[in-house]
Amino acid sequence: MQIRRGVEVTGITADDDGVDVQLAGGGPVRARYVVGADGGRSMVRRSADIPMVGPDASRSSLIAEVKVAGEPVQQGKVDARGIHGLYPMGDGMVRVVVTEASLGPATEPTLADLRQALSDVFGRDFGVHSPTWLSRFTDATRQAELYRKGRVLLAGDAAHVHSPTGGLGIGLGLQDAVNLGWKLGQVVQGVSGGDLLDTYHAERHGAGERALKYTMAQSLFQKADPRQEALRDLLGEVLRVDGAGAPIAALITGLDVAYDPGPGHPLLGRRMPDLDIATGAGPARVYGLLQRARPVLLEFGGPELELGAWAARVQHVKATYDGAWQLPVLGQVAPPTAVLVRPDGYAAWVGEGSADGLAEALATWFGKVGR
């Protein structure tokens, strides 16, 4: 495998057999598939003509890490414009976030822009200098209509842009990548057909849409407004009720994501808990079994299961677990007798005293026998 660094992609051209990736200063590179993980202004997405839909920006903010004149002191303010703050980070560096007076242009901001915005809000610019980085973000919320278009796929900010409110962006992008990675690997290796990649859009587009709704709701509270503050206080009272905050916490962390493989046990389509289990090789953690990015069939008693032709593709672990099965949001559920765990940690099949449906799940997710 060849890794190219510092290379600019200027466009792509896709056909039924592959994708030509155009590079600045060089000829095209032919690929079977291309994953655009190149940010909110994704060249891959634009070249593939995949629309982004959603509300335009209503305000913009500057964010930077800089040095200031004198001893760094934490500053914070919320006004009708938005949230502003300076936060010492050690070694003389200060993280600065300041909302601009008007929606900024889609260009890289300058140190002069930052100084002006700080002066507008605080009456002084704190002598900011020597930025290690400086950027502008907005509350625009858009999502790609398609996460897959033929041999072109999108992940992370290339597939969805939103306010950084709540810190969902990194987790959202990583879940995209992990969901897609093992599926694309199986397709490229010939284990599964290309239709497995359709499940990437089916699963991740809905999860992204829900997360984006949360960031839009949160952004409403990021400025001083009596009506919004009244709503925030009301929601605060609601969330103080026992258990009321659990669904929000699960949404922020992504632990509430549930895919829809069909009816069955409550664990089906949800993230497998990271249980401390006992195996024939000694104690283990479930997530430790997933480090090789291979699916795992966990057998917790009940009828003995056979993987047959899938034994070379799926790790089979017989284990015991005596604790409660606790799932985010749902709470305690009935213990299953077996679980087929995908490489991304989600349950593809759950046994409830029989092997019914196991062969079908293996074929759906890990390729048909003889492929």
Foldseek 3Di string as FASTA:
>chain_A
DDDDPPWDFQAWDDDQQFIWTCTVPDGTDTGRFAEFAPAQVTRHCVRVVFDKDFDDFFWKKKKFKWAFPDDDDWDWDFAQQFTWIWADDDPRIIITIFIAPGHDDPDFDDVVRQQVRCCVVPVGSRRTDDIPDMGMDTQTWIATPFQDDNRYGYAARNGIDGPCPLVQRVVLRVLLCLQQVLQVVCCVVVQAPPCSNVVSRQQNVVLSVVLRVVRVLRRLCGHDDVVSVVVVVVVVVVCVPPPNCQVVVCSSNVQVRAHPPDDDFPQARGFADQDFKAFPVGTDTPVVVLPVQAKEKEAADADDDDPPLCPVGYHYTYIHDDDFRQGRPVGTGDDFRIFTAGSSRGTQDTHHRDCPPVQVSCCSNRNDRPD
